[in-house]
C-alpha atoms as a PDB file:
ATOM      1  CA  UNK A   1       0.000   0.000   0.000  1.00  0.00           C
ATOM      2  CA  UNK A   2       1.360   3.417  -0.917  1.00  0.00           C
ATOM      3  CA  UNK A   3       1.363   6.313   1.516  1.00  0.00           C
ATOM      4  CA  UNK A   4       1.352  10.051   0.931  1.00  0.00           C
ATOM      5  CA  UNK A   5       2.551  12.350   3.696  1.00  0.00           C
ATOM      6  CA  UNK A   6       0.442  15.486   4.244  1.00  0.00           C
ATOM      7  CA  UNK A   7       1.868  18.752   5.578  1.00  0.00           C
ATOM      8  CA  UNK A   8       0.369  22.209   6.059  1.00  0.00           C
ATOM      9  CA  UNK A   9       2.228  25.375   7.025  1.00  0.00           C
ATOM     10  CA  UNK A  10      -1.134  26.611   8.415  1.00  0.00           C
ATOM     11  CA  UNK A  11      -0.941  23.993  11.186  1.00  0.00           C
ATOM     12  CA  UNK A  12       1.771  23.507  13.801  1.00  0.00           C
ATOM     13  CA  UNK A  13       4.782  21.437  12.896  1.00  0.00           C
ATOM     14  CA  UNK A  14       4.904  17.976  14.437  1.00  0.00           C
ATOM     15  CA  UNK A  15       6.509  18.039  17.888  1.00  0.00           C
ATOM     16  CA  UNK A  16       7.819  14.495  17.539  1.00  0.00           C
ATOM     17  CA  UNK A  17       8.706  11.833  14.989  1.00  0.00           C
ATOM     18  CA  UNK A  18       5.358  11.773  13.173  1.00  0.00           C
ATOM     19  CA  UNK A  19       3.579  13.403  10.231  1.00  0.00           C
ATOM     20  CA  UNK A  20       0.658  15.820  10.435  1.00  0.00           C
ATOM     21  CA  UNK A  21      -1.296  13.317   8.351  1.00  0.00           C
ATOM     22  CA  UNK A  22      -0.865  10.278   6.137  1.00  0.00           C
ATOM     23  CA  UNK A  23      -3.080   9.364   3.170  1.00  0.00           C
ATOM     24  CA  UNK A  24      -3.319   5.607   2.652  1.00  0.00           C
ATOM     25  CA  UNK A  25      -5.922   3.090   1.568  1.00  0.00           C
ATOM     26  CA  UNK A  26      -8.422   5.730   0.452  1.00  0.00           C
ATOM     27  CA  UNK A  27      -8.424   7.504   3.840  1.00  0.00           C
ATOM     28  CA  UNK A  28      -6.458  10.312   5.445  1.00  0.00           C
ATOM     29  CA  UNK A  29      -5.304   9.755   9.023  1.00  0.00           C
ATOM     30  CA  UNK A  30      -4.777  13.089  10.815  1.00  0.00           C
ATOM     31  CA  UNK A  31      -2.462  13.114  13.815  1.00  0.00           C
ATOM     32  CA  UNK A  32      -3.710  14.628  17.036  1.00  0.00           C
ATOM     33  CA  UNK A  33      -3.658  18.387  17.231  1.00  0.00           C
ATOM     34  CA  UNK A  34      -3.282  20.373  20.422  1.00  0.00           C
ATOM     35  CA  UNK A  35      -3.969  24.124  20.616  1.00  0.00           C
ATOM     36  CA  UNK A  36      -0.631  25.271  19.243  1.00  0.00           C
ATOM     37  CA  UNK A  37      -0.391  28.490  17.273  1.00  0.00           C
ATOM     38  CA  UNK A  38       1.127  27.503  13.899  1.00  0.00           C
ATOM     39  CA  UNK A  39       3.128  30.750  13.723  1.00  0.00           C
ATOM     40  CA  UNK A  40       4.809  30.429  17.128  1.00  0.00           C
ATOM     41  CA  UNK A  41       4.520  26.754  18.043  1.00  0.00           C
ATOM     42  CA  UNK A  42       3.251  27.830  21.475  1.00  0.00           C
ATOM     43  CA  UNK A  43      -0.041  27.021  23.191  1.00  0.00           C
ATOM     44  CA  UNK A  44      -2.662  29.660  22.443  1.00  0.00           C
ATOM     45  CA  UNK A  45      -3.837  31.806  25.292  1.00  0.00           C
ATOM     46  CA  UNK A  46      -7.399  32.259  26.366  1.00  0.00           C
ATOM     47  CA  UNK A  47     -10.041  30.015  27.771  1.00  0.00           C
ATOM     48  CA  UNK A  48     -10.814  26.400  26.932  1.00  0.00           C
ATOM     49  CA  UNK A  49     -13.191  27.428  24.123  1.00  0.00           C
ATOM     50  CA  UNK A  50     -10.430  29.391  22.362  1.00  0.00           C
ATOM     51  CA  UNK A  51      -8.114  26.417  22.700  1.00  0.00           C
ATOM     52  CA  UNK A  52     -10.741  24.044  21.266  1.00  0.00           C
ATOM     53  CA  UNK A  53     -11.252  26.349  18.268  1.00  0.00           C
ATOM     54  CA  UNK A  54      -7.498  26.415  17.624  1.00  0.00           C
ATOM     55  CA  UNK A  55      -7.413  22.607  17.640  1.00  0.00           C
ATOM     56  CA  UNK A  56     -10.227  22.361  15.083  1.00  0.00           C
ATOM     57  CA  UNK A  57      -8.649  25.150  12.977  1.00  0.00           C
ATOM     58  CA  UNK A  58      -5.396  23.158  12.963  1.00  0.00           C
ATOM     59  CA  UNK A  59      -7.221  19.991  11.902  1.00  0.00           C
ATOM     60  CA  UNK A  60      -9.066  21.896   9.164  1.00  0.00           C
ATOM     61  CA  UNK A  61      -5.746  23.227   7.813  1.00  0.00           C
ATOM     62  CA  UNK A  62      -4.288  19.716   7.590  1.00  0.00           C
ATOM     63  CA  UNK A  63      -7.499  18.397   5.995  1.00  0.00           C
ATOM     64  CA  UNK A  64      -7.279  21.180   3.412  1.00  0.00           C
ATOM     65  CA  UNK A  65      -3.649  20.288   2.639  1.00  0.00           C
ATOM     66  CA  UNK A  66      -4.892  16.756   1.990  1.00  0.00           C
ATOM     67  CA  UNK A  67      -7.386  18.105  -0.567  1.00  0.00           C
ATOM     68  CA  UNK A  68     -10.340  17.569   1.749  1.00  0.00           C
ATOM     69  CA  UNK A  69     -12.113  19.267   4.641  1.00  0.00           C
ATOM     70  CA  UNK A  70     -13.556  18.314   7.997  1.00  0.00           C
ATOM     71  CA  UNK A  71     -16.743  17.430   6.093  1.00  0.00           C
ATOM     72  CA  UNK A  72     -14.870  14.281   5.052  1.00  0.00           C
ATOM     73  CA  UNK A  73     -14.346  13.181   8.660  1.00  0.00           C
ATOM     74  CA  UNK A  74     -15.685   9.720   9.446  1.00  0.00           C
ATOM     75  CA  UNK A  75     -14.151   9.388  12.924  1.00  0.00           C
ATOM     76  CA  UNK A  76     -13.077  11.988  15.493  1.00  0.00           C
ATOM     77  CA  UNK A  77     -11.307  11.237  18.763  1.00  0.00           C
ATOM     78  CA  UNK A  78     -11.229  13.909  21.464  1.00  0.00           C
ATOM     79  CA  UNK A  79      -8.930  13.761  24.484  1.00  0.00           C
ATOM     80  CA  UNK A  80      -9.780  16.022  27.431  1.00  0.00           C
ATOM     81  CA  UNK A  81      -7.961  16.595  30.703  1.00  0.00           C
ATOM     82  CA  UNK A  82     -11.296  17.812  32.154  1.00  0.00           C
ATOM     83  CA  UNK A  83     -14.452  15.965  31.090  1.00  0.00           C
ATOM     84  CA  UNK A  84     -16.341  18.902  32.579  1.00  0.00           C
ATOM     85  CA  UNK A  85     -15.565  20.647  29.261  1.00  0.00           C
ATOM     86  CA  UNK A  86     -17.676  18.120  27.327  1.00  0.00           C
ATOM     87  CA  UNK A  87     -20.515  20.609  26.625  1.00  0.00           C
ATOM     88  CA  UNK A  88     -18.051  23.253  25.436  1.00  0.00           C
ATOM     89  CA  UNK A  89     -16.439  20.765  23.060  1.00  0.00           C
ATOM     90  CA  UNK A  90     -19.858  19.866  21.672  1.00  0.00           C
ATOM     91  CA  UNK A  91     -20.685  23.540  21.102  1.00  0.00           C
ATOM     92  CA  UNK A  92     -17.362  24.270  19.370  1.00  0.00           C
ATOM     93  CA  UNK A  93     -17.452  21.049  17.340  1.00  0.00           C
ATOM     94  CA  UNK A  94     -20.906  22.006  16.017  1.00  0.00           C
ATOM     95  CA  UNK A  95     -19.270  25.062  14.411  1.00  0.00           C
ATOM     96  CA  UNK A  96     -16.920  22.826  12.387  1.00  0.00           C
ATOM     97  CA  UNK A  97     -19.098  19.823  11.515  1.00  0.00           C
ATOM     98  CA  UNK A  98     -22.551  19.437   9.955  1.00  0.00           C
ATOM     99  CA  UNK A  99     -24.906  16.481   9.736  1.00  0.00           C
ATOM    100  CA  UNK A 100     -24.340  13.719   9.061  1.00  0.00           C
ATOM    101  CA  UNK A 101     -21.812  13.928  11.887  1.00  0.00           C
ATOM    102  CA  UNK A 102     -18.760  11.670  12.039  1.00  0.00           C
ATOM    103  CA  UNK A 103     -18.473   8.897  14.600  1.00  0.00           C
ATOM    104  CA  UNK A 104     -16.770  10.171  17.742  1.00  0.00           C
ATOM    105  CA  UNK A 105     -15.234   9.097  21.001  1.00  0.00           C
ATOM    106  CA  UNK A 106     -14.267  11.390  23.882  1.00  0.00           C
ATOM    107  CA  UNK A 107     -11.679  10.182  26.368  1.00  0.00           C
ATOM    108  CA  UNK A 108     -10.688  11.702  29.702  1.00  0.00           C
ATOM    109  CA  UNK A 109      -6.917  11.700  30.169  1.00  0.00           C
ATOM    110  CA  UNK A 110      -4.571  12.715  32.982  1.00  0.00           C
ATOM    111  CA  UNK A 111      -2.319  14.894  30.832  1.00  0.00           C
ATOM    112  CA  UNK A 112      -1.552  15.936  27.253  1.00  0.00           C
ATOM    113  CA  UNK A 113       1.614  17.211  25.528  1.00  0.00           C
ATOM    114  CA  UNK A 114       2.760  20.702  26.478  1.00  0.00           C
ATOM    115  CA  UNK A 115       0.114  20.907  29.205  1.00  0.00           C
ATOM    116  CA  UNK A 116      -2.738  21.204  26.684  1.00  0.00           C
ATOM    117  CA  UNK A 117      -6.315  20.699  27.900  1.00  0.00           C
ATOM    118  CA  UNK A 118      -7.535  19.172  24.611  1.00  0.00           C
ATOM    119  CA  UNK A 119      -6.226  17.095  21.732  1.00  0.00           C
ATOM    120  CA  UNK A 120      -8.231  15.916  18.715  1.00  0.00           C
ATOM    121  CA  UNK A 121      -7.426  13.550  15.863  1.00  0.00           C
ATOM    122  CA  UNK A 122      -9.584  12.310  13.031  1.00  0.00           C
ATOM    123  CA  UNK A 123      -9.862  10.073  10.008  1.00  0.00           C
ATOM    124  CA  UNK A 124     -11.065  11.493   6.694  1.00  0.00           C
ATOM    125  CA  UNK A 125     -12.474   9.752   3.675  1.00  0.00           C
ATOM    126  CA  UNK A 126     -12.148  12.509   1.068  1.00  0.00           C
END
């Protein structure tokens, strides 16, 4: 199976030995995004809602570089350090996705890279 590596300058550079996304087998697998500002590589300031928007903006930029959009998402995984933010995530996610919604799982975790409160990855079928 061939693979195509996806990269967008409008999303943060990988902070480890991985690609922003990989296209393979008719799908695009987007790596998890945390609320990093693509220009500075630093966590964005502001409240949880602002951080969630940055994460989905980062994912949208990578999806666009893959020739798709978040409309092509079939699976979204959300990692939260505070499950009390579940309603906020739902509200923000509804700004980025329309029906029919992708499948989704939300997982509470103890910690995320760089002290982020949220990380999201997804799988696209363009």
